[in-house]
Amino acid sequence: MTIRMAVIFLWAVAGAFGQLAGVIDLHVHSAPDSMPRSIDALEIARIAKRHDMRALLFKNHYTSTAPLAYLVSQAVPGIEVYGGIALNRSVGGINPAAVDHMTKTTGGLGRVVWMPTFDSEHYHRTIEPNPNYVPVSRDGDLLPEVKEVLSLMADRGLALATGHSSPEESLLLIRAAKQAGIDRIIVTHPLLPEVSMGLALQNQAAQLGAYLEYPVAMMLAPAKIPIGEFAEAVRAVGPDHVILTSDLGQVLNPIHTDGLVAFLAQLREQGFTQQQIDRMTKSNPAQFLGLD
């Protein structure tokens, strides 16, 4: 974090309460998890409620968060919480049965299916070798089990996140999801190295009807994408097609609410209007979750 970023962060957080009223964070990591996390789900829900946020979507790479969302909803009333499932090897990979059971979890708060993340073939080939990777395509076509999952998702009214799929796979997924009847789709952090989708393909994704997710974590280690580059990308894609998230919860990073407050302050410095920020943090996420 640069000195300028640190100053903006401290200034923004000092007057944080009220700045996140109505905001929805679609990328919330928390304990319990099999990876180190800086805060547990109950505490971040309580903090988000104090900020008058509207909703949180809990994400875990290796297990469904629908049960967690139900428990948090019972313990912390006054804020909406949702869950989903990432189709990594720990849940059987591209596993329709796992998706089916997620939708049947008490409370009905499972709303999102992420395609493979750390177990994706793209991550295996470009970031870190993984003998247990989970493919979603072969020879330019989605695997039959992926199409089966998409059909189930359409039937159950679930939203799709493309996970750490390659840029080309992400476009395949978007087209197939639309054909299956899924109209709530997001490309998971396309600017981060795990995906590395260029702006031309991001615009194709947007034209196909998908949102592009830009998280606070992009600006932190290890990616450290400068705010100017980030702002340029948002303008190129257009706020109507962007959803801002935190993707926080990692040890040594700011907690979700602090990161979002500082992040939005920097966007205002870059010339984004409150109306544009509201579109990217409230209206678009609500539509993705099927809330509006």
Protein backbone atom coordinates (compact mmCIF):
# COMPACT_ATOMS: atom_id res chain seq x y z
CA MET A 1 0.00 0.00 0.00
CA THR A 2 1.45 3.40 -0.98
CA ILE A 3 1.59 6.33 1.46
CA ARG A 4 -1.16 8.05 -0.53
CA MET A 5 -3.36 4.98 -0.37
CA ALA A 6 -2.71 4.68 3.37
CA VAL A 7 -3.72 8.33 3.95
CA ILE A 8 -6.91 7.86 1.90
CA PHE A 9 -7.64 4.65 3.77
CA LEU A 10 -7.28 6.25 7.22
CA TRP A 11 -9.28 9.32 6.21
CA ALA A 12 -12.07 7.26 4.69
CA VAL A 13 -12.36 4.76 7.53
CA ALA A 14 -12.40 7.54 10.13
CA GLY A 15 -15.82 8.61 8.87
CA ALA A 16 -16.89 5.25 7.57
CA PHE A 17 -20.31 4.71 9.09
CA GLY A 18 -23.10 5.54 6.68
CA GLN A 19 -20.88 5.36 3.60
CA LEU A 20 -21.84 1.75 2.88
CA ALA A 21 -25.58 2.06 3.46
CA GLY A 22 -27.36 -0.27 1.04
CA VAL A 23 -24.15 -1.76 -0.37
CA ILE A 24 -24.04 -5.47 -1.29
CA ASP A 25 -20.70 -7.32 -1.16
CA LEU A 26 -20.73 -10.40 -3.42
CA HIS A 27 -17.29 -11.74 -2.44
CA VAL A 28 -16.89 -12.27 1.30
CA HIS A 29 -14.27 -14.68 2.63
CA SER A 30 -14.43 -15.47 6.35
CA ALA A 31 -13.83 -18.14 8.95
CA PRO A 32 -14.69 -20.95 9.36
CA ASP A 33 -12.53 -21.96 6.40
CA SER A 34 -9.74 -24.38 5.59
CA MET A 35 -7.61 -21.33 4.70
CA PRO A 36 -6.48 -18.63 7.18
CA ARG A 37 -9.04 -15.84 7.49
CA SER A 38 -8.89 -12.54 9.36
CA ILE A 39 -12.45 -12.55 10.68
CA ASP A 40 -15.32 -14.98 11.14
CA ALA A 41 -18.67 -14.82 9.37
CA LEU A 42 -20.65 -13.72 12.41
CA GLU A 43 -18.37 -10.81 13.17
CA ILE A 44 -18.21 -9.47 9.61
CA ALA A 45 -22.01 -9.71 9.41
CA ARG A 46 -22.33 -7.71 12.65
CA ILE A 47 -19.88 -5.09 11.37
CA ALA A 48 -21.61 -4.88 7.97
CA LYS A 49 -24.95 -4.44 9.74
CA ARG A 50 -23.52 -1.52 11.75
CA HIS A 51 -22.53 0.03 8.42
CA ASP A 52 -26.14 -0.47 7.26
CA MET A 53 -25.03 -2.68 4.35
CA ARG A 54 -27.84 -4.52 2.62
CA ALA A 55 -26.32 -7.96 2.00
CA LEU A 56 -23.26 -10.21 2.00
CA LEU A 57 -22.52 -13.23 -0.18
CA PHE A 58 -20.20 -15.68 1.59
CA LYS A 59 -17.68 -17.54 -0.55
CA ASN A 60 -15.60 -20.59 0.32
CA HIS A 61 -13.46 -22.29 -2.29
CA TYR A 62 -13.95 -25.77 -0.87
CA THR A 63 -17.40 -26.12 0.67
CA SER A 64 -20.93 -24.78 0.27
CA THR A 65 -21.67 -21.59 2.19
CA ALA A 66 -25.47 -22.02 2.13
CA PRO A 67 -25.43 -23.61 5.64
CA LEU A 68 -23.19 -20.81 6.92
CA ALA A 69 -25.53 -18.18 5.47
CA TYR A 70 -28.50 -19.76 7.25
CA LEU A 71 -26.74 -19.79 10.64
CA VAL A 72 -25.54 -16.19 10.24
CA SER A 73 -29.04 -15.08 9.23
CA GLN A 74 -30.38 -16.53 12.49
CA ALA A 75 -27.64 -15.03 14.65
CA VAL A 76 -27.44 -11.57 12.99
CA PRO A 77 -30.90 -10.43 11.90
CA GLY A 78 -31.16 -7.14 10.07
CA ILE A 79 -28.78 -7.87 7.20
CA GLU A 80 -29.34 -10.23 4.27
CA VAL A 81 -26.77 -13.01 3.88
CA TYR A 82 -26.44 -15.54 1.07
CA GLY A 83 -24.23 -18.44 0.09
CA GLY A 84 -23.23 -20.60 -2.83
CA ILE A 85 -20.92 -23.36 -3.94
CA ALA A 86 -17.63 -23.41 -5.86
CA LEU A 87 -17.26 -26.53 -7.99
CA ASN A 88 -13.76 -27.48 -6.93
CA ARG A 89 -12.54 -31.04 -6.35
CA SER A 90 -13.59 -31.03 -2.68
CA VAL A 91 -17.29 -31.04 -3.66
CA GLY A 92 -16.79 -33.51 -6.49
CA GLY A 93 -15.88 -30.99 -9.18
CA ILE A 94 -18.61 -30.36 -11.74
CA ASN A 95 -21.15 -32.15 -9.58
CA PRO A 96 -24.90 -31.64 -10.18
CA ALA A 97 -25.69 -33.50 -6.95
CA ALA A 98 -23.68 -31.00 -4.90
CA VAL A 99 -25.51 -28.10 -6.55
CA ASP A 100 -28.86 -29.80 -5.98
CA HIS A 101 -28.20 -30.29 -2.26
CA MET A 102 -26.96 -26.70 -1.93
CA THR A 103 -30.31 -25.46 -3.23
CA LYS A 104 -32.15 -27.63 -0.68
CA THR A 105 -30.20 -26.34 2.33
CA THR A 106 -32.33 -24.94 5.16
CA GLY A 107 -33.26 -21.32 4.53
CA GLY A 108 -32.95 -21.41 0.74
CA LEU A 109 -30.04 -18.94 0.87
CA GLY A 110 -27.81 -20.70 -1.68
CA ARG A 111 -27.95 -18.37 -4.68
CA VAL A 112 -24.69 -18.70 -6.66
CA VAL A 113 -22.58 -21.39 -8.34
CA TRP A 114 -18.93 -20.61 -9.01
CA MET A 115 -17.17 -22.65 -11.65
CA PRO A 116 -13.83 -24.11 -10.41
CA THR A 117 -11.52 -21.57 -8.81
CA PHE A 118 -8.18 -22.80 -7.42
CA ASP A 119 -8.89 -26.21 -9.01
CA SER A 120 -9.63 -24.82 -12.46
CA GLU A 121 -7.66 -26.12 -15.42
CA HIS A 122 -6.74 -22.53 -16.31
CA TYR A 123 -5.29 -21.95 -12.83
CA HIS A 124 -3.45 -25.28 -13.11
CA ARG A 125 -1.88 -24.28 -16.42
CA THR A 126 -1.08 -20.62 -15.73
CA ILE A 127 -0.60 -20.12 -11.98
CA GLU A 128 0.15 -23.33 -10.08
CA PRO A 129 0.22 -26.97 -11.24
CA ASN A 130 -2.57 -29.02 -9.70
CA PRO A 131 -2.93 -32.72 -10.55
CA ASN A 132 -6.51 -32.61 -9.21
CA TYR A 133 -7.66 -29.83 -11.52
CA VAL A 134 -11.29 -29.76 -12.66
CA PRO A 135 -11.78 -29.09 -16.40
CA VAL A 136 -14.88 -27.37 -17.76
CA SER A 137 -14.17 -27.66 -21.49
CA ARG A 138 -12.42 -29.78 -24.10
CA ASP A 139 -11.51 -28.79 -27.66
CA GLY A 140 -13.45 -25.54 -27.45
CA ASP A 141 -16.68 -26.99 -26.11
CA LEU A 142 -18.06 -27.24 -22.58
CA LEU A 143 -18.10 -30.71 -21.04
CA PRO A 144 -21.50 -32.47 -20.85
CA GLU A 145 -21.49 -32.32 -17.04
CA VAL A 146 -21.05 -28.54 -17.17
CA LYS A 147 -24.08 -28.24 -19.43
CA GLU A 148 -25.99 -30.48 -17.01
CA VAL A 149 -25.11 -28.19 -14.11
CA LEU A 150 -26.16 -25.12 -16.10
CA SER A 151 -29.51 -26.73 -16.89
CA LEU A 152 -30.04 -27.49 -13.19
CA MET A 153 -29.07 -23.95 -12.26
CA ALA A 154 -31.59 -22.51 -14.72
CA ASP A 155 -34.28 -24.74 -13.24
CA ARG A 156 -33.44 -23.63 -9.68
CA GLY A 157 -32.99 -19.93 -10.49
CA LEU A 158 -29.29 -19.79 -9.56
CA ALA A 159 -26.73 -17.22 -10.67
CA LEU A 160 -23.44 -18.15 -12.34
CA ALA A 161 -19.93 -16.93 -11.52
CA THR A 162 -17.25 -18.06 -13.96
CA GLY A 163 -14.58 -18.72 -11.30
CA HIS A 164 -10.97 -18.97 -12.42
CA SER A 165 -11.89 -20.12 -15.92
CA SER A 166 -9.84 -18.91 -18.86
CA PRO A 167 -11.13 -15.87 -20.77
CA GLU A 168 -12.22 -18.11 -23.62
CA GLU A 169 -13.93 -20.57 -21.27
CA SER A 170 -15.69 -17.69 -19.54
CA LEU A 171 -17.24 -16.64 -22.84
CA LEU A 172 -18.26 -20.25 -23.54
CA LEU A 173 -19.89 -20.41 -20.12
CA ILE A 174 -21.74 -17.13 -20.61
CA ARG A 175 -23.16 -18.19 -23.98
CA ALA A 176 -24.17 -21.63 -22.71
CA ALA A 177 -25.69 -20.19 -19.54
CA LYS A 178 -27.79 -17.73 -21.53
CA GLN A 179 -28.89 -20.53 -23.84
CA ALA A 180 -29.86 -22.63 -20.80
CA GLY A 181 -31.96 -19.77 -19.43
CA ILE A 182 -29.59 -18.27 -16.85
CA ASP A 183 -29.67 -14.47 -17.03
CA ARG A 184 -27.65 -13.60 -13.91
CA ILE A 185 -23.96 -14.08 -14.69
CA ILE A 186 -20.72 -12.54 -13.45
CA VAL A 187 -17.14 -12.92 -14.69
CA THR A 188 -15.05 -13.47 -11.55
CA HIS A 189 -12.34 -10.77 -11.13
CA PRO A 190 -11.28 -10.69 -14.81
CA LEU A 191 -8.32 -8.36 -14.27
CA LEU A 192 -6.57 -10.55 -11.70
CA PRO A 193 -3.82 -12.97 -12.84
CA GLU A 194 -6.02 -15.97 -12.01
CA VAL A 195 -8.22 -15.03 -14.99
CA SER A 196 -6.40 -12.34 -17.03
CA MET A 197 -9.23 -11.36 -19.34
CA GLY A 198 -8.38 -8.38 -21.52
CA LEU A 199 -10.72 -5.43 -21.94
CA ALA A 200 -11.81 -6.47 -25.44
CA LEU A 201 -13.06 -9.82 -24.15
CA GLN A 202 -14.56 -8.17 -21.08
CA ASN A 203 -16.60 -5.98 -23.39
CA GLN A 204 -17.70 -9.09 -25.29
CA ALA A 205 -18.81 -10.61 -21.98
CA ALA A 206 -20.73 -7.45 -21.14
CA GLN A 207 -22.41 -7.43 -24.56
CA LEU A 208 -23.47 -11.03 -23.92
CA GLY A 209 -25.18 -9.89 -20.73
CA ALA A 210 -22.63 -10.69 -18.01
CA TYR A 211 -21.36 -8.47 -15.24
CA LEU A 212 -17.64 -7.97 -14.65
CA GLU A 213 -16.45 -8.22 -11.04
CA TYR A 214 -13.81 -5.72 -9.89
CA PRO A 215 -12.74 -6.32 -6.26
CA VAL A 216 -10.85 -4.23 -3.74
CA ALA A 217 -8.32 -7.08 -3.57
CA MET A 218 -7.10 -6.13 -7.09
CA MET A 219 -5.37 -3.11 -5.59
CA LEU A 220 -3.64 -5.04 -2.80
CA ALA A 221 -0.76 -7.52 -2.89
CA PRO A 222 0.05 -9.51 -4.91
CA ALA A 223 -1.77 -7.90 -7.89
CA LYS A 224 -1.39 -4.24 -6.83
CA ILE A 225 -3.27 -2.87 -9.83
CA PRO A 226 -2.99 0.96 -9.68
CA ILE A 227 -6.24 2.86 -9.10
CA GLY A 228 -5.78 4.71 -12.40
CA GLU A 229 -5.61 1.45 -14.34
CA PHE A 230 -8.60 0.15 -12.43
CA ALA A 231 -10.61 3.30 -13.18
CA GLU A 232 -9.70 3.09 -16.85
CA ALA A 233 -11.01 -0.48 -16.99
CA VAL A 234 -14.30 0.47 -15.32
CA ARG A 235 -14.81 3.28 -17.81
CA ALA A 236 -13.96 1.00 -20.74
CA VAL A 237 -16.51 -1.62 -19.70
CA GLY A 238 -19.02 0.86 -18.27
CA PRO A 239 -20.52 1.03 -14.75
CA ASP A 240 -23.74 -0.57 -16.02
CA HIS A 241 -21.78 -3.80 -16.50
CA VAL A 242 -19.52 -3.69 -13.41
CA ILE A 243 -19.98 -5.01 -9.87
CA LEU A 244 -17.57 -3.85 -7.17
CA THR A 245 -16.78 -6.35 -4.42
CA SER A 246 -14.27 -6.69 -1.61
CA ASP A 247 -12.83 -10.24 -2.10
CA LEU A 248 -11.37 -9.66 1.36
CA GLY A 249 -10.98 -11.73 4.50
CA GLN A 250 -7.33 -12.62 3.98
CA VAL A 251 -4.96 -12.31 6.93
CA LEU A 252 -3.09 -8.94 6.92
CA ASN A 253 -5.57 -7.30 4.51
CA PRO A 254 -8.22 -4.79 5.67
CA ILE A 255 -11.55 -6.26 6.67
CA HIS A 256 -14.28 -6.04 4.06
CA THR A 257 -16.01 -2.88 5.24
CA ASP A 258 -12.79 -0.90 5.76
CA GLY A 259 -11.48 -1.97 2.37
CA LEU A 260 -14.72 -0.99 0.62
CA VAL A 261 -14.88 2.44 2.30
CA ALA A 262 -11.31 3.29 1.25
CA PHE A 263 -11.86 1.82 -2.22
CA LEU A 264 -14.97 3.90 -2.89
CA ALA A 265 -13.21 7.04 -1.66
CA GLN A 266 -10.49 6.47 -4.26
CA LEU A 267 -13.08 5.97 -6.99
CA ARG A 268 -14.65 9.31 -6.09
CA GLU A 269 -11.20 10.88 -6.40
CA GLN A 270 -11.02 9.35 -9.89
CA GLY A 271 -14.20 11.20 -10.86
CA PHE A 272 -16.85 8.52 -10.50
CA THR A 273 -20.20 9.91 -9.41
CA GLN A 274 -22.21 8.60 -6.48
CA GLN A 275 -24.84 7.43 -8.95
CA GLN A 276 -22.26 5.34 -10.79
CA ILE A 277 -20.88 3.92 -7.53
CA ASP A 278 -24.41 3.06 -6.37
CA ARG A 279 -25.01 1.24 -9.65
CA MET A 280 -21.87 -0.87 -9.16
CA THR A 281 -22.33 -1.58 -5.43
CA LYS A 282 -26.11 -1.68 -4.99
CA SER A 283 -28.27 -2.01 -8.12
CA ASN A 284 -26.10 -4.41 -10.13
CA PRO A 285 -25.33 -6.76 -7.20
CA ALA A 286 -29.02 -6.82 -6.23
CA GLN A 287 -29.95 -7.81 -9.77
CA PHE A 288 -27.27 -10.52 -9.80
CA LEU A 289 -28.65 -12.05 -6.60
CA GLY A 290 -32.21 -11.76 -7.86
CA LEU A 291 -33.20 -9.31 -5.13
CA ASP A 292 -34.77 -6.61 -7.33
